Amino acid sequence: MKPYFFKIFLVTALFSGLLSAQEGIVKVQKSESVERLLNLKKEVNASKKFIKIQIYSGPRPGAEETLSSFRSTFSDYKSEMKYETPNYKIWVGNFRSKIEADRALKVVKKEYPNAFLFTPK
């Protein structure tokens, strides 16, 4: 008798909770100084230069092959192919600090010994 009563009580409690849902309006009050701080942070991040690693510079077939092999080996780093006359270049990462870039360079140099750090224009 108790299990049956418990099941009925549980079902009734669940349905009554769904049927008596409340509605309301949420009003967010934010300080003017918080808004200024967020805008300042956006400006700083937009103007900040990132450090990248270049692992290849040369003709397109070599760039495509290097990009493919890099992505299969180092899937955790963002990589891209850029064209700067007359060469295609493979760039890796968007590092915010020199320390972060140096750590990544140390790992990448094991596979690509000619890799180096730079800040794009």
C-alpha atoms as a PDB file:
ATOM      1  CA  MET A   1       0.000   0.000   0.000  1.00  0.00           C
ATOM      2  CA  LYS A   2       2.837   2.418   0.799  1.00  0.00           C
ATOM      3  CA  PRO A   3       4.629   2.110  -2.594  1.00  0.00           C
ATOM      4  CA  TYR A   4       1.364   2.859  -4.435  1.00  0.00           C
ATOM      5  CA  PHE A   5       0.678   5.885  -2.218  1.00  0.00           C
ATOM      6  CA  PHE A   6       4.256   7.114  -2.736  1.00  0.00           C
ATOM      7  CA  LYS A   7       3.932   6.879  -6.534  1.00  0.00           C
ATOM      8  CA  ILE A   8       0.684   8.845  -6.517  1.00  0.00           C
ATOM      9  CA  PHE A   9       2.225  11.473  -4.234  1.00  0.00           C
ATOM     10  CA  LEU A  10       5.303  11.784  -6.469  1.00  0.00           C
ATOM     11  CA  VAL A  11       3.284  12.151  -9.685  1.00  0.00           C
ATOM     12  CA  THR A  12       0.961  14.698  -8.039  1.00  0.00           C
ATOM     13  CA  ALA A  13       3.906  16.700  -6.720  1.00  0.00           C
ATOM     14  CA  LEU A  14       5.590  16.772 -10.129  1.00  0.00           C
ATOM     15  CA  PHE A  15       2.477  17.897 -11.986  1.00  0.00           C
ATOM     16  CA  SER A  16       1.557  20.501  -9.414  1.00  0.00           C
ATOM     17  CA  GLY A  17       5.060  21.956  -9.717  1.00  0.00           C
ATOM     18  CA  LEU A  18       4.719  22.200 -13.494  1.00  0.00           C
ATOM     19  CA  LEU A  19       1.269  23.697 -13.397  1.00  0.00           C
ATOM     20  CA  SER A  20       2.088  26.409 -10.903  1.00  0.00           C
ATOM     21  CA  ALA A  21       5.046  27.907 -12.758  1.00  0.00           C
ATOM     22  CA  GLN A  22       5.643  31.572 -12.129  1.00  0.00           C
ATOM     23  CA  GLU A  23       6.267  34.282 -14.653  1.00  0.00           C
ATOM     24  CA  GLY A  24       8.073  37.519 -14.108  1.00  0.00           C
ATOM     25  CA  ILE A  25      10.296  40.211 -15.517  1.00  0.00           C
ATOM     26  CA  VAL A  26      13.955  40.436 -14.618  1.00  0.00           C
ATOM     27  CA  LYS A  27      15.491  43.889 -14.653  1.00  0.00           C
ATOM     28  CA  VAL A  28      19.289  44.106 -14.633  1.00  0.00           C
ATOM     29  CA  GLN A  29      20.829  47.234 -13.195  1.00  0.00           C
ATOM     30  CA  LYS A  30      24.429  47.820 -14.132  1.00  0.00           C
ATOM     31  CA  SER A  31      26.705  50.563 -13.030  1.00  0.00           C
ATOM     32  CA  GLU A  32      28.018  53.111 -15.513  1.00  0.00           C
ATOM     33  CA  SER A  33      31.575  52.360 -14.359  1.00  0.00           C
ATOM     34  CA  VAL A  34      31.134  48.659 -15.217  1.00  0.00           C
ATOM     35  CA  GLU A  35      30.019  49.632 -18.719  1.00  0.00           C
ATOM     36  CA  ARG A  36      33.074  51.885 -19.162  1.00  0.00           C
ATOM     37  CA  LEU A  37      35.379  49.133 -17.900  1.00  0.00           C
ATOM     38  CA  LEU A  38      33.933  46.615 -20.389  1.00  0.00           C
ATOM     39  CA  ASN A  39      34.367  49.080 -23.265  1.00  0.00           C
ATOM     40  CA  LEU A  40      37.962  49.777 -22.213  1.00  0.00           C
ATOM     41  CA  LYS A  41      38.721  46.049 -22.088  1.00  0.00           C
ATOM     42  CA  LYS A  42      37.280  45.614 -25.604  1.00  0.00           C
ATOM     43  CA  GLU A  43      39.479  48.433 -26.922  1.00  0.00           C
ATOM     44  CA  VAL A  44      42.621  47.024 -25.314  1.00  0.00           C
ATOM     45  CA  ASN A  45      41.971  43.527 -26.677  1.00  0.00           C
ATOM     46  CA  ALA A  46      41.187  44.866 -30.155  1.00  0.00           C
ATOM     47  CA  SER A  47      44.394  46.875 -30.342  1.00  0.00           C
ATOM     48  CA  LYS A  48      46.610  44.221 -28.792  1.00  0.00           C
ATOM     49  CA  LYS A  49      49.017  42.465 -31.097  1.00  0.00           C
ATOM     50  CA  PHE A  50      49.210  38.715 -30.902  1.00  0.00           C
ATOM     51  CA  ILE A  51      52.388  36.692 -31.259  1.00  0.00           C
ATOM     52  CA  LYS A  52      52.431  33.932 -33.878  1.00  0.00           C
ATOM     53  CA  ILE A  53      54.777  31.156 -34.927  1.00  0.00           C
ATOM     54  CA  GLN A  54      55.795  30.764 -38.565  1.00  0.00           C
ATOM     55  CA  ILE A  55      56.627  27.188 -39.511  1.00  0.00           C
ATOM     56  CA  TYR A  56      56.837  27.423 -43.311  1.00  0.00           C
ATOM     57  CA  SER A  57      57.476  29.884 -46.140  1.00  0.00           C
ATOM     58  CA  GLY A  58      57.605  28.746 -49.754  1.00  0.00           C
ATOM     59  CA  PRO A  59      55.515  27.511 -52.691  1.00  0.00           C
ATOM     60  CA  ARG A  60      51.850  26.572 -52.303  1.00  0.00           C
ATOM     61  CA  PRO A  61      52.141  22.747 -52.588  1.00  0.00           C
ATOM     62  CA  GLY A  62      54.656  22.681 -49.750  1.00  0.00           C
ATOM     63  CA  ALA A  63      52.481  25.027 -47.685  1.00  0.00           C
ATOM     64  CA  GLU A  64      49.412  22.819 -48.129  1.00  0.00           C
ATOM     65  CA  GLU A  65      51.380  19.713 -47.172  1.00  0.00           C
ATOM     66  CA  THR A  66      52.909  21.440 -44.127  1.00  0.00           C
ATOM     67  CA  LEU A  67      49.532  22.783 -42.992  1.00  0.00           C
ATOM     68  CA  SER A  68      47.934  19.352 -43.292  1.00  0.00           C
ATOM     69  CA  SER A  69      50.701  17.591 -41.385  1.00  0.00           C
ATOM     70  CA  PHE A  70      50.753  20.306 -38.717  1.00  0.00           C
ATOM     71  CA  ARG A  71      47.003  20.073 -38.130  1.00  0.00           C
ATOM     72  CA  SER A  72      47.182  16.306 -37.778  1.00  0.00           C
ATOM     73  CA  THR A  73      50.077  16.512 -35.308  1.00  0.00           C
ATOM     74  CA  PHE A  74      49.158  19.659 -33.339  1.00  0.00           C
ATOM     75  CA  SER A  75      45.377  19.872 -33.371  1.00  0.00           C
ATOM     76  CA  ASP A  76      45.282  22.083 -30.257  1.00  0.00           C
ATOM     77  CA  TYR A  77      46.909  25.081 -32.008  1.00  0.00           C
ATOM     78  CA  LYS A  78      45.124  27.302 -34.518  1.00  0.00           C
ATOM     79  CA  SER A  79      46.920  27.320 -37.861  1.00  0.00           C
ATOM     80  CA  GLU A  80      46.422  29.232 -41.096  1.00  0.00           C
ATOM     81  CA  MET A  81      47.948  29.674 -44.540  1.00  0.00           C
ATOM     82  CA  LYS A  82      48.727  33.246 -45.672  1.00  0.00           C
ATOM     83  CA  TYR A  83      50.017  34.539 -48.967  1.00  0.00           C
ATOM     84  CA  GLU A  84      52.676  37.239 -48.952  1.00  0.00           C
ATOM     85  CA  THR A  85      54.242  37.757 -52.351  1.00  0.00           C
ATOM     86  CA  PRO A  86      55.955  35.556 -53.517  1.00  0.00           C
ATOM     87  CA  ASN A  87      55.529  32.910 -50.787  1.00  0.00           C
ATOM     88  CA  TYR A  88      52.823  31.074 -48.924  1.00  0.00           C
ATOM     89  CA  LYS A  89      53.337  31.021 -45.174  1.00  0.00           C
ATOM     90  CA  ILE A  90      51.984  28.811 -42.410  1.00  0.00           C
ATOM     91  CA  TRP A  91      51.261  30.692 -39.205  1.00  0.00           C
ATOM     92  CA  VAL A  92      50.384  29.057 -35.912  1.00  0.00           C
ATOM     93  CA  GLY A  93      48.584  30.390 -32.848  1.00  0.00           C
ATOM     94  CA  ASN A  94      47.410  33.696 -31.426  1.00  0.00           C
ATOM     95  CA  PHE A  95      49.501  33.974 -28.298  1.00  0.00           C
ATOM     96  CA  ARG A  96      48.871  36.866 -25.920  1.00  0.00           C
ATOM     97  CA  SER A  97      52.149  36.672 -24.031  1.00  0.00           C
ATOM     98  CA  LYS A  98      55.757  35.977 -24.924  1.00  0.00           C
ATOM     99  CA  ILE A  99      55.964  33.186 -22.329  1.00  0.00           C
ATOM    100  CA  GLU A 100      52.946  31.396 -23.809  1.00  0.00           C
ATOM    101  CA  ALA A 101      54.438  31.723 -27.307  1.00  0.00           C
ATOM    102  CA  ASP A 102      57.876  30.505 -26.175  1.00  0.00           C
ATOM    103  CA  ARG A 103      56.351  27.393 -24.603  1.00  0.00           C
ATOM    104  CA  ALA A 104      54.481  26.578 -27.803  1.00  0.00           C
ATOM    105  CA  LEU A 105      57.557  27.286 -29.927  1.00  0.00           C
ATOM    106  CA  LYS A 106      59.603  24.832 -27.889  1.00  0.00           C
ATOM    107  CA  VAL A 107      57.052  22.078 -28.623  1.00  0.00           C
ATOM    108  CA  VAL A 108      56.608  23.004 -32.299  1.00  0.00           C
ATOM    109  CA  LYS A 109      60.371  23.203 -32.979  1.00  0.00           C
ATOM    110  CA  LYS A 110      60.672  19.462 -32.321  1.00  0.00           C
ATOM    111  CA  GLU A 111      58.791  18.833 -35.603  1.00  0.00           C
ATOM    112  CA  TYR A 112      59.591  22.101 -37.404  1.00  0.00           C
ATOM    113  CA  PRO A 113      63.140  23.172 -36.452  1.00  0.00           C
ATOM    114  CA  ASN A 114      63.018  26.357 -38.587  1.00  0.00           C
ATOM    115  CA  ALA A 115      59.982  27.742 -36.733  1.00  0.00           C
ATOM    116  CA  PHE A 116      60.243  31.199 -35.205  1.00  0.00           C
ATOM    117  CA  LEU A 117      58.153  33.783 -33.339  1.00  0.00           C
ATOM    118  CA  PHE A 118      56.911  37.038 -34.853  1.00  0.00           C
ATOM    119  CA  THR A 119      54.244  39.692 -34.434  1.00  0.00           C
ATOM    120  CA  PRO A 120      52.240  40.242 -37.659  1.00  0.00           C
ATOM    121  CA  LYS A 121      51.711  43.794 -38.932  1.00  0.00           C
END
